[in-house]
Amino acid sequence: MTTLRRALGVGENRVAAISPALGTRLAAVRAASARSDSASDAARSRRVSGAGTRIVTGYVSGVDQNADCRGSKWYGSSGTLGIAQKMLRDAHVRQSLAAIYSPLLSAAWRFRPASDSPLDREIAAFCQWAFVDRLPWLDILKRIILDYGSCGFALVEMTDDAAAVSRDRFALHPGGGVGIVPTGLHQIAPWSVYGWEQDTSDPARIAAVVQHVQGSDGETPGWRTIAADRILRWTWDQDAANYEGMAVLRSAYGAWKMKMAFQAIAAIKHERLAVPTPVAIASEDATDDDVRAVEAVLEEMRSNQRGYAVFDSGWTFSWQGATTSSGSNVEAAIAACNAEIAYNVSAGFMLLGLQGGGGSYALGATQQGQYHLAEKAHARFLERGWNLGCDGWSPVRRIVELNYGVGVSMPSLEARNLPTAPWQDRIPILINAANVGLVRRDARLESAIREALEFDPFDAETELPGRAPVELVPDERDRITDQDPIDAVEPEVDDESDYVEEDQ
């Protein structure tokens, strides 16, 4: 409205005189703006909106369209397998989750310091030692990914206690050789969860988890309520306050269920084809003794005790739709289900060429790009749980503040050097960038390259003299001959033609 008034070159009263409706609208906008300015001075400490998810007595109510896949029916309960656990018995389903966790377990998990100051670098090194080096880190990560990938959520209880800290390695640590470190990251199995307690101040967070422990030789049975400030939670695709999320395998359930049916049909089909039933058609003058004699012969040819049939003349017997040349192609249907399961985790390219025929390298490379992006999304999802937490606290912040005090800068856990990255493309880009001066070599760059390529760190004491590297751009590599590499890529110059052009 202010712009309109300036464009007209008239005052507010003049605008009202020209158009009463426009003047009324202008006054309303100005009043609303004044109210907004006064309200913005106060902090908005509590939300006005709600999560909207219905949670009754700890149970998330019906958020799946298929009632057979809701809640504990999906992730199981004490003593009862859920659909997710049954799906994991299938080789293709299990491998689809391996396509998620295998690259993440192969990545380099490092704590990045908040700055280059000695204190921040030591804090990052301390977290690296406390979390990654002291604990069975890869086993913990794999269990987390399997839980949220199959069940939709993963829960871990962290315990910590005092432990000896090296004064030489962590000279700035104020504990005098003693610090607080994580002593365990303990799985809370999804099938043992019986209810969620909602945080009233932030409904998207939990206040506690109710767990049922069945009891064993080493555990007392009973109900446990674990507060949220002891739990690390990862919920995949959490919608509002649906703490159960949507498991990665949920969208592969249809393909898996059809595959189970197709496999049963295929087994029946192969049994019918591989184990034929002997059939004898009796002649018109056959006696009872003849029939008994034929039965004796057929019994010796049987595949099971009663696997034969005898018919009077005029009767025939045959299997319909149970030949290799007719009927439904069940094997192709099973292969299609396997492809859907792989596609569910962006790994469909892994099946190219496996079902007969050829595979497209270009198509595979294109799909690998999407697969790498999906892996990065999982890596960032895991990082957020460690660095920020989901329910109001961060394990990294807790350990740092218990050891170095409140107010220090926090390091960040990162998954670096994912093997799904297109390294065959990045190396030529790095060479070209170095050629034109966009990237300059230093110790950090060399260390990062060595780590990404899984080379040992540089050792100056064992360095061998060698020829200086030849820097080539990718387009010139095919033009290399037996000549000197540097001369082979230099363009030929016609000196006389250059002089003629200069004279002209």
Protein backbone atom coordinates (compact mmCIF):
# COMPACT_ATOMS: atom_id res chain seq x y z
CA MET A 1 0.00 0.00 0.00
CA THR A 2 2.87 2.34 0.76
CA THR A 3 4.26 1.69 -2.72
CA LEU A 4 0.88 2.36 -4.28
CA ARG A 5 0.49 5.62 -2.38
CA ARG A 6 3.92 6.81 -3.48
CA ALA A 7 3.17 5.86 -7.06
CA LEU A 8 0.01 7.93 -7.00
CA GLY A 9 1.87 10.83 -5.42
CA VAL A 10 -0.99 11.54 -3.02
CA GLY A 11 -1.56 11.18 0.71
CA GLU A 12 -3.58 8.57 2.55
CA ASN A 13 -6.68 10.76 2.65
CA ARG A 14 -6.41 11.35 -1.09
CA VAL A 15 -6.26 7.55 -1.68
CA ALA A 16 -9.46 7.19 0.37
CA ALA A 17 -11.13 9.93 -1.64
CA ILE A 18 -10.23 8.25 -4.93
CA SER A 19 -11.30 4.79 -3.73
CA PRO A 20 -13.09 4.34 -0.38
CA ALA A 21 -12.56 0.57 -0.50
CA LEU A 22 -8.85 1.02 -1.13
CA GLY A 23 -8.62 3.47 1.73
CA THR A 24 -10.34 1.08 4.12
CA ARG A 25 -7.97 -1.70 3.09
CA LEU A 26 -4.94 0.54 3.61
CA ALA A 27 -6.08 1.46 7.14
CA ALA A 28 -6.60 -2.23 8.00
CA VAL A 29 -3.13 -3.16 6.76
CA ARG A 30 -1.55 -0.38 8.82
CA ALA A 31 -3.41 -1.50 11.97
CA ALA A 32 -2.39 -5.13 11.49
CA SER A 33 1.20 -4.09 10.94
CA ALA A 34 1.20 -2.12 14.18
CA ARG A 35 -0.16 -5.10 16.11
CA SER A 36 2.44 -7.40 14.55
CA ASP A 37 5.29 -5.03 15.44
CA SER A 38 4.22 -4.87 19.08
CA ALA A 39 3.78 -8.65 19.33
CA SER A 40 7.17 -9.38 17.80
CA ASP A 41 8.92 -7.74 20.75
CA ALA A 42 8.05 -10.71 23.01
CA ALA A 43 9.77 -14.11 22.74
CA ARG A 44 7.59 -16.93 21.46
CA SER A 45 8.55 -19.49 24.08
CA ARG A 46 5.66 -21.92 23.51
CA ARG A 47 3.98 -23.15 20.37
CA VAL A 48 0.33 -22.42 19.68
CA SER A 49 -0.22 -25.17 17.14
CA GLY A 50 -0.40 -28.84 18.02
CA ALA A 51 1.18 -31.98 16.61
CA GLY A 52 -2.24 -33.48 15.93
CA THR A 53 -1.26 -37.12 16.30
CA ARG A 54 -3.65 -39.12 18.50
CA ILE A 55 -1.80 -40.88 21.31
CA VAL A 56 -3.97 -42.75 23.80
CA THR A 57 -2.46 -44.53 26.84
CA GLY A 58 0.91 -44.47 25.13
CA TYR A 59 -0.21 -45.98 21.82
CA VAL A 60 0.02 -44.12 18.53
CA SER A 61 -3.43 -44.55 16.96
CA GLY A 62 -3.92 -45.91 13.46
CA VAL A 63 -1.58 -43.98 11.18
CA ASP A 64 -1.17 -46.81 8.65
CA GLN A 65 -3.83 -47.48 6.06
CA ASN A 66 -3.30 -51.22 6.49
CA ALA A 67 -4.51 -52.30 9.92
CA ASP A 68 -2.32 -55.42 9.71
CA CYS A 69 0.81 -53.23 9.62
CA ARG A 70 0.08 -50.89 12.51
CA GLY A 71 2.14 -50.59 15.66
CA SER A 72 3.32 -53.82 17.26
CA LYS A 73 1.90 -55.84 14.37
CA TRP A 74 4.69 -54.34 12.30
CA TYR A 75 7.65 -54.21 14.70
CA GLY A 76 6.58 -57.08 16.95
CA SER A 77 6.07 -57.52 20.67
CA SER A 78 7.54 -59.65 23.44
CA GLY A 79 7.56 -63.22 22.20
CA THR A 80 5.89 -62.40 18.87
CA LEU A 81 7.59 -61.63 15.57
CA GLY A 82 6.29 -58.66 13.65
CA ILE A 83 6.07 -58.33 9.90
CA ALA A 84 9.39 -56.47 9.83
CA GLN A 85 11.26 -59.40 11.42
CA LYS A 86 9.64 -61.81 8.98
CA MET A 87 10.65 -59.67 6.04
CA LEU A 88 14.27 -59.66 7.20
CA ARG A 89 14.35 -63.44 6.68
CA ASP A 90 14.16 -62.81 2.94
CA ALA A 91 17.57 -62.53 1.28
CA HIS A 92 16.64 -59.64 -1.01
CA VAL A 93 15.00 -57.67 1.80
CA ARG A 94 18.01 -58.21 4.05
CA GLN A 95 20.36 -57.15 1.27
CA SER A 96 18.31 -54.00 0.66
CA LEU A 97 19.06 -52.89 4.24
CA ALA A 98 22.68 -53.95 3.78
CA ALA A 99 22.75 -51.54 0.83
CA ILE A 100 22.05 -48.81 3.42
CA TYR A 101 24.28 -49.79 6.32
CA SER A 102 27.30 -51.24 4.47
CA PRO A 103 28.42 -47.91 2.89
CA LEU A 104 27.73 -46.09 6.17
CA LEU A 105 29.86 -48.57 8.11
CA SER A 106 32.62 -48.11 5.53
CA ALA A 107 32.60 -44.32 5.89
CA ALA A 108 35.10 -42.47 8.06
CA TRP A 109 33.24 -41.20 11.13
CA ARG A 110 35.11 -38.15 12.38
CA PHE A 111 34.43 -35.32 14.81
CA ARG A 112 35.08 -31.99 13.12
CA PRO A 113 36.36 -29.31 15.53
CA ALA A 114 34.39 -26.07 15.81
CA SER A 115 37.55 -24.08 14.95
CA ASP A 116 41.30 -24.46 14.62
CA SER A 117 41.95 -23.34 18.18
CA PRO A 118 43.92 -25.83 20.34
CA LEU A 119 40.97 -26.25 22.71
CA ASP A 120 38.42 -26.97 19.99
CA ARG A 121 40.75 -29.42 18.28
CA GLU A 122 41.33 -31.24 21.56
CA ILE A 123 37.59 -31.40 22.29
CA ALA A 124 37.00 -33.02 18.89
CA ALA A 125 39.81 -35.50 19.52
CA PHE A 126 38.39 -36.27 22.96
CA CYS A 127 34.94 -37.04 21.48
CA GLN A 128 36.56 -39.19 18.79
CA TRP A 129 38.27 -41.20 21.50
CA ALA A 130 35.27 -41.32 23.85
CA PHE A 131 32.62 -42.35 21.31
CA VAL A 132 34.29 -43.98 18.31
CA ASP A 133 37.52 -45.48 19.65
CA ARG A 134 36.40 -46.77 23.05
CA LEU A 135 33.04 -48.25 22.04
CA PRO A 136 32.11 -50.90 19.42
CA TRP A 137 31.10 -48.07 17.12
CA LEU A 138 30.36 -50.03 13.94
CA ASP A 139 28.23 -52.60 15.76
CA ILE A 140 26.24 -49.79 17.40
CA LEU A 141 25.68 -48.03 14.06
CA LYS A 142 24.61 -51.22 12.31
CA ARG A 143 22.06 -52.01 15.02
CA ILE A 144 20.62 -48.49 14.85
CA ILE A 145 20.24 -48.64 11.05
CA LEU A 146 18.69 -52.10 11.15
CA ASP A 147 16.17 -51.00 13.78
CA TYR A 148 14.92 -47.80 12.13
CA GLY A 149 15.21 -49.32 8.66
CA SER A 150 13.04 -52.32 9.50
CA CYS A 151 10.86 -51.10 12.39
CA GLY A 152 10.76 -47.33 11.78
CA PHE A 153 12.57 -46.22 14.93
CA ALA A 154 15.73 -47.01 16.89
CA LEU A 155 16.24 -46.42 20.60
CA VAL A 156 19.56 -46.45 22.45
CA GLU A 157 20.18 -45.80 26.14
CA MET A 158 23.51 -44.12 26.90
CA THR A 159 25.31 -44.72 30.16
CA ASP A 160 28.42 -42.80 31.25
CA ASP A 161 30.82 -42.81 34.17
CA ALA A 162 34.21 -41.56 35.35
CA ALA A 163 37.28 -43.00 33.61
CA ALA A 164 40.97 -42.29 33.31
CA VAL A 165 41.91 -39.68 30.69
CA SER A 166 45.40 -39.40 29.23
CA ARG A 167 47.02 -36.14 30.34
CA ASP A 168 49.55 -36.30 27.54
CA ARG A 169 46.93 -36.77 24.84
CA PHE A 170 44.41 -34.28 26.31
CA ALA A 171 46.59 -31.66 27.94
CA LEU A 172 43.80 -29.08 28.17
CA HIS A 173 41.34 -31.39 29.92
CA PRO A 174 40.56 -29.86 33.33
CA GLY A 175 39.87 -33.19 35.07
CA GLY A 176 43.42 -33.90 36.18
CA GLY A 177 43.50 -37.31 34.48
CA VAL A 178 39.84 -38.20 35.15
CA GLY A 179 36.84 -37.51 32.93
CA ILE A 180 33.27 -38.60 32.17
CA VAL A 181 32.97 -40.86 29.15
CA PRO A 182 30.20 -43.03 27.65
CA THR A 183 30.37 -46.54 29.05
CA GLY A 184 27.71 -48.05 26.83
CA LEU A 185 25.14 -47.43 24.13
CA HIS A 186 22.52 -50.06 24.84
CA GLN A 187 19.83 -51.09 22.38
CA ILE A 188 16.19 -50.84 23.42
CA ALA A 189 14.62 -53.35 21.05
CA PRO A 190 11.61 -51.90 19.18
CA TRP A 191 9.54 -55.03 19.91
CA SER A 192 9.98 -54.39 23.65
CA VAL A 193 8.40 -50.91 23.48
CA TYR A 194 4.82 -50.82 24.73
CA GLY A 195 4.08 -47.12 24.93
CA TRP A 196 5.23 -43.53 24.48
CA GLU A 197 4.89 -40.65 26.92
CA GLN A 198 4.48 -37.37 25.08
CA ASP A 199 6.33 -34.19 26.04
CA THR A 200 3.59 -31.63 26.76
CA SER A 201 5.88 -28.68 26.09
CA ASP A 202 6.80 -30.02 22.64
CA PRO A 203 4.40 -32.75 21.43
CA ALA A 204 6.79 -33.84 18.66
CA ARG A 205 9.20 -35.04 21.37
CA ILE A 206 8.88 -37.86 23.83
CA ALA A 207 9.08 -37.52 27.61
CA ALA A 208 9.66 -41.23 28.26
CA VAL A 209 9.35 -44.71 26.79
CA VAL A 210 7.52 -47.59 28.46
CA GLN A 211 9.28 -50.91 27.95
CA HIS A 212 8.34 -54.45 28.89
CA VAL A 213 11.21 -56.76 29.85
CA GLN A 214 10.32 -60.45 29.54
CA GLY A 215 12.93 -61.58 32.02
CA SER A 216 15.78 -64.03 31.68
CA ASP A 217 18.62 -65.54 33.66
CA GLY A 218 20.22 -62.13 33.94
CA GLU A 219 17.20 -59.78 33.93
CA THR A 220 14.27 -59.25 36.22
CA PRO A 221 10.97 -59.17 34.31
CA GLY A 222 8.69 -56.19 34.53
CA TRP A 223 7.78 -52.78 33.19
CA ARG A 224 10.39 -50.05 32.81
CA THR A 225 9.81 -46.34 32.21
CA ILE A 226 12.93 -44.76 30.69
CA ALA A 227 13.10 -40.97 30.66
CA ALA A 228 13.88 -39.23 27.38
CA ASP A 229 17.07 -37.67 28.78
CA ARG A 230 18.61 -41.14 28.84
CA ILE A 231 17.49 -42.17 25.35
CA LEU A 232 18.86 -41.49 21.89
CA ARG A 233 16.07 -41.83 19.33
CA TRP A 234 16.10 -42.02 15.56
CA THR A 235 12.65 -42.07 13.92
CA TRP A 236 12.65 -42.37 10.14
CA ASP A 237 10.08 -40.15 8.42
CA GLN A 238 8.45 -39.00 11.65
CA ASP A 239 5.15 -37.30 10.87
CA ALA A 240 4.00 -34.96 13.67
CA ALA A 241 4.08 -37.01 16.89
CA ASN A 242 4.17 -40.42 15.24
CA TYR A 243 7.27 -41.63 17.06
CA GLU A 244 7.08 -44.98 15.30
CA GLY A 245 7.76 -43.29 11.94
CA MET A 246 7.61 -45.11 8.63
CA ALA A 247 10.15 -47.89 8.28
CA VAL A 248 12.25 -48.09 5.14
CA LEU A 249 10.89 -51.59 4.59
CA ARG A 250 7.26 -50.48 4.87
CA SER A 251 7.12 -49.37 1.24
CA ALA A 252 8.57 -52.75 0.18
CA TYR A 253 5.93 -54.73 2.08
CA GLY A 254 3.60 -55.11 -0.93
CA ALA A 255 6.35 -56.50 -3.16
CA TRP A 256 7.53 -58.85 -0.41
CA LYS A 257 4.02 -60.16 0.27
CA MET A 258 3.35 -60.85 -3.41
CA LYS A 259 6.76 -62.49 -3.69
CA MET A 260 5.87 -64.93 -0.90
CA ALA A 261 2.70 -65.91 -2.77
CA PHE A 262 4.55 -66.22 -6.09
CA GLN A 263 7.24 -68.40 -4.52
CA ALA A 264 4.60 -70.80 -3.22
CA ILE A 265 3.03 -70.96 -6.69
CA ALA A 266 6.44 -71.49 -8.27
CA ALA A 267 7.19 -74.35 -5.88
CA ILE A 268 3.89 -76.03 -6.77
CA LYS A 269 4.57 -75.49 -10.47
CA HIS A 270 8.03 -77.04 -10.28
CA GLU A 271 6.69 -79.97 -8.28
CA ARG A 272 4.07 -80.63 -10.92
CA LEU A 273 6.64 -80.44 -13.71
CA ALA A 274 9.53 -82.20 -12.01
CA VAL A 275 7.49 -84.99 -10.40
CA PRO A 276 4.95 -86.19 -13.00
CA THR A 277 2.11 -88.52 -12.02
CA PRO A 278 2.11 -91.89 -13.82
CA VAL A 279 -1.24 -92.55 -15.51
CA ALA A 280 -2.59 -95.90 -16.83
CA ILE A 281 -5.73 -96.20 -18.98
CA ALA A 282 -7.24 -99.68 -18.67
CA SER A 283 -8.38 -101.55 -21.76
CA GLU A 284 -12.04 -102.56 -22.19
CA ASP A 285 -11.41 -106.22 -21.41
CA ALA A 286 -9.09 -105.63 -18.44
CA THR A 287 -9.82 -107.80 -15.44
CA ASP A 288 -9.42 -106.95 -11.81
CA ASP A 289 -6.23 -108.99 -11.73
CA ASP A 290 -4.90 -106.92 -14.64
CA VAL A 291 -5.69 -103.68 -12.80
CA ARG A 292 -3.94 -104.93 -9.65
CA ALA A 293 -0.91 -105.93 -11.65
CA VAL A 294 -0.72 -102.51 -13.30
CA GLU A 295 -1.08 -100.84 -9.90
CA ALA A 296 1.86 -102.85 -8.63
CA VAL A 297 3.93 -101.64 -11.54
CA LEU A 298 2.85 -98.05 -11.01
CA GLU A 299 3.68 -98.23 -7.31
CA GLU A 300 7.26 -99.07 -8.23
CA MET A 301 7.31 -95.94 -10.46
CA ARG A 302 5.75 -93.72 -7.80
CA SER A 303 7.17 -90.51 -6.38
CA ASN A 304 5.05 -91.06 -3.27
CA GLN A 305 2.84 -93.84 -1.90
CA ARG A 306 -0.33 -92.89 -3.78
CA GLY A 307 1.22 -90.91 -6.63
CA TYR A 308 -0.53 -92.64 -9.51
CA ALA A 309 -3.95 -92.88 -11.19
CA VAL A 310 -5.80 -95.69 -13.04
CA PHE A 311 -8.73 -94.92 -15.35
CA ASP A 312 -11.17 -97.05 -17.33
CA SER A 313 -11.23 -96.78 -21.09
CA GLY A 314 -12.58 -93.46 -22.28
CA TRP A 315 -11.17 -91.48 -19.37
CA THR A 316 -8.11 -89.26 -19.76
CA PHE A 317 -6.06 -87.22 -17.31
CA SER A 318 -3.69 -84.31 -17.76
CA TRP A 319 -2.32 -81.24 -15.93
CA GLN A 320 -3.61 -77.94 -17.22
CA GLY A 321 -1.34 -74.84 -17.19
CA ALA A 322 1.59 -76.72 -15.67
CA THR A 323 3.98 -76.78 -18.60
CA THR A 324 7.07 -74.71 -19.26
CA SER A 325 5.56 -73.27 -22.44
CA SER A 326 2.22 -72.14 -21.08
CA GLY A 327 0.75 -70.54 -18.00
CA SER A 328 1.88 -67.55 -15.96
CA ASN A 329 5.59 -66.72 -15.85
CA VAL A 330 5.92 -66.88 -12.07
CA GLU A 331 9.70 -66.52 -12.10
CA ALA A 332 9.42 -63.20 -13.94
CA ALA A 333 6.90 -62.01 -11.35
CA ILE A 334 9.29 -62.94 -8.53
CA ALA A 335 12.11 -61.08 -10.28
CA ALA A 336 9.88 -58.01 -10.59
CA CYS A 337 9.20 -58.15 -6.84
CA ASN A 338 12.92 -58.35 -6.12
CA ALA A 339 13.47 -55.31 -8.32
CA GLU A 340 10.81 -53.39 -6.39
CA ILE A 341 12.51 -54.30 -3.10
CA ALA A 342 15.86 -53.04 -4.41
CA TYR A 343 14.30 -49.91 -5.89
CA ASN A 344 12.80 -49.15 -2.49
CA VAL A 345 16.31 -48.24 -1.26
CA SER A 346 17.42 -46.65 -4.59
CA ALA A 347 19.54 -49.72 -5.36
CA GLY A 348 17.67 -51.02 -8.40
CA PHE A 349 20.83 -50.69 -10.52
CA MET A 350 22.35 -53.61 -8.57
CA LEU A 351 19.98 -56.02 -10.35
CA LEU A 352 20.80 -54.83 -13.87
CA GLY A 353 21.88 -57.80 -15.97
CA LEU A 354 21.17 -60.40 -13.27
CA GLN A 355 17.84 -61.56 -14.70
CA GLY A 356 19.14 -62.34 -18.16
CA GLY A 357 19.92 -59.97 -20.98
CA GLY A 358 22.27 -57.03 -20.65
CA GLY A 359 22.43 -54.04 -18.39
CA SER A 360 22.89 -50.42 -19.30
CA TYR A 361 26.07 -48.84 -17.90
CA ALA A 362 24.67 -45.34 -18.41
CA LEU A 363 21.43 -46.26 -16.65
CA GLY A 364 23.37 -47.87 -13.81
CA ALA A 365 25.56 -44.78 -13.39
CA THR A 366 22.50 -42.52 -13.31
CA GLN A 367 20.80 -44.62 -10.65
CA GLN A 368 24.01 -44.75 -8.62
CA GLY A 369 23.87 -40.98 -8.32
CA GLN A 370 20.44 -41.14 -6.72
CA TYR A 371 21.63 -43.99 -4.52
CA HIS A 372 24.53 -41.85 -3.25
CA LEU A 373 22.15 -39.02 -2.41
CA ALA A 374 20.00 -41.46 -0.45
CA GLU A 375 23.06 -42.65 1.48
CA LYS A 376 23.99 -39.06 2.29
CA ALA A 377 20.48 -38.52 3.62
CA HIS A 378 20.88 -41.49 5.95
CA ALA A 379 24.30 -40.21 7.05
CA ARG A 380 22.92 -36.74 7.86
CA PHE A 381 19.99 -38.36 9.69
CA LEU A 382 22.37 -40.34 11.90
CA GLU A 383 24.64 -37.33 12.47
CA ARG A 384 21.73 -35.21 13.66
CA GLY A 385 20.84 -37.74 16.33
CA TRP A 386 24.35 -37.55 17.80
CA ASN A 387 25.01 -33.83 17.37
CA LEU A 388 21.58 -32.36 18.17
CA GLY A 389 19.45 -35.19 19.50
CA CYS A 390 15.72 -35.64 18.95
CA ASP A 391 14.20 -35.08 22.38
CA GLY A 392 15.88 -32.07 23.90
CA TRP A 393 19.41 -33.27 24.60
CA SER A 394 22.55 -34.19 22.68
CA PRO A 395 24.98 -36.94 23.75
CA VAL A 396 27.88 -34.98 22.26
CA ARG A 397 26.95 -31.83 24.18
CA ARG A 398 26.50 -33.78 27.40
CA ILE A 399 29.95 -35.39 27.25
CA VAL A 400 31.67 -32.16 26.18
CA GLU A 401 30.08 -30.05 28.92
CA LEU A 402 30.72 -32.68 31.61
CA ASN A 403 34.40 -32.64 30.71
CA TYR A 404 35.21 -29.13 29.44
CA GLY A 405 32.44 -27.06 31.02
CA VAL A 406 29.45 -25.12 29.76
CA GLY A 407 30.02 -22.54 27.04
CA VAL A 408 32.68 -24.28 24.98
CA SER A 409 32.13 -24.85 21.27
CA MET A 410 30.71 -28.18 20.16
CA PRO A 411 32.39 -30.45 17.61
CA SER A 412 30.28 -32.12 14.91
CA LEU A 413 30.23 -35.80 14.10
CA GLU A 414 30.43 -36.39 10.35
CA ALA A 415 30.36 -39.40 8.04
CA ARG A 416 33.10 -38.72 5.54
CA ASN A 417 34.27 -40.53 2.40
CA LEU A 418 31.14 -42.52 1.64
CA PRO A 419 32.19 -45.24 -0.83
CA THR A 420 29.05 -44.54 -2.89
CA ALA A 421 30.47 -41.16 -3.95
CA PRO A 422 31.55 -40.88 -7.62
CA TRP A 423 35.27 -40.88 -6.88
CA GLN A 424 36.12 -41.69 -10.51
CA ASP A 425 34.71 -38.27 -11.42
CA ARG A 426 36.04 -36.31 -8.47
CA ILE A 427 39.71 -37.08 -9.02
CA PRO A 428 39.80 -35.57 -12.56
CA ILE A 429 37.90 -32.54 -11.25
CA LEU A 430 40.50 -32.13 -8.52
CA ILE A 431 43.35 -32.34 -11.05
CA ASN A 432 41.74 -29.74 -13.30
CA ALA A 433 41.03 -27.45 -10.37
CA ALA A 434 44.67 -27.70 -9.30
CA ASN A 435 45.83 -26.99 -12.86
CA VAL A 436 43.96 -23.67 -13.03
CA GLY A 437 44.84 -22.67 -9.47
CA LEU A 438 41.40 -23.09 -7.90
CA VAL A 439 42.83 -25.63 -5.44
CA ARG A 440 46.28 -25.42 -3.92
CA ARG A 441 48.00 -28.38 -2.40
CA ASP A 442 48.61 -28.46 1.35
CA ALA A 443 49.06 -31.09 4.05
CA ARG A 444 45.33 -31.24 4.82
CA LEU A 445 44.38 -31.84 1.20
CA GLU A 446 46.91 -34.61 0.83
CA SER A 447 45.74 -36.19 4.09
CA ALA A 448 42.10 -36.02 2.97
CA ILE A 449 42.91 -37.61 -0.40
CA ARG A 450 44.89 -40.38 1.22
CA GLU A 451 42.05 -41.07 3.64
CA ALA A 452 39.42 -41.11 0.89
CA LEU A 453 41.49 -43.52 -1.21
CA GLU A 454 42.29 -45.65 1.85
CA PHE A 455 46.04 -45.00 1.59
CA ASP A 456 48.32 -44.93 4.60
CA PRO A 457 49.22 -41.48 5.99
CA PHE A 458 52.26 -39.79 4.45
CA ASP A 459 55.54 -40.70 6.12
CA ALA A 460 58.36 -38.25 5.44
CA GLU A 461 61.00 -40.66 6.77
CA THR A 462 60.17 -43.32 4.16
CA GLU A 463 59.58 -40.93 1.24
CA LEU A 464 61.20 -42.11 -1.98
CA PRO A 465 62.55 -39.79 -4.68
CA GLY A 466 60.50 -39.97 -7.82
CA ARG A 467 59.52 -38.17 -10.98
CA ALA A 468 57.26 -35.16 -10.62
CA PRO A 469 53.65 -36.03 -11.45
CA VAL A 470 52.25 -35.18 -14.86
CA GLU A 471 49.07 -33.15 -14.65
CA LEU A 472 46.62 -34.03 -17.42
CA VAL A 473 43.06 -33.04 -18.05
CA PRO A 474 40.73 -35.98 -18.82
CA ASP A 475 40.09 -34.97 -22.46
CA GLU A 476 43.80 -35.12 -23.28
CA ARG A 477 44.49 -38.58 -21.85
CA ASP A 478 43.48 -40.41 -25.04
CA ARG A 479 46.06 -38.43 -27.04
CA ILE A 480 49.06 -39.69 -25.04
CA THR A 481 51.64 -41.47 -27.19
CA ASP A 482 55.00 -43.01 -26.51
CA GLN A 483 56.47 -39.53 -26.60
CA ASP A 484 57.14 -37.48 -23.52
CA PRO A 485 53.74 -36.91 -21.87
CA ILE A 486 54.20 -33.19 -21.54
CA ASP A 487 55.13 -32.77 -25.22
CA ALA A 488 52.27 -35.01 -26.27
CA VAL A 489 49.65 -32.63 -24.98
CA GLU A 490 51.23 -29.38 -26.15
CA PRO A 491 49.49 -27.93 -29.22
CA GLU A 492 51.54 -27.47 -32.37
CA VAL A 493 52.32 -23.84 -33.24
CA ASP A 494 52.92 -22.59 -36.75
CA ASP A 495 55.38 -19.78 -36.17
CA GLU A 496 55.25 -18.45 -39.76
CA SER A 497 51.47 -18.17 -39.83
CA ASP A 498 51.57 -16.31 -36.54
CA TYR A 499 54.07 -13.83 -37.95
CA VAL A 500 51.97 -13.31 -41.06
CA GLU A 501 48.92 -12.55 -38.98
CA GLU A 502 50.89 -10.07 -36.90
CA ASP A 503 52.22 -8.35 -40.05
CA GLN A 504 48.75 -8.07 -41.49
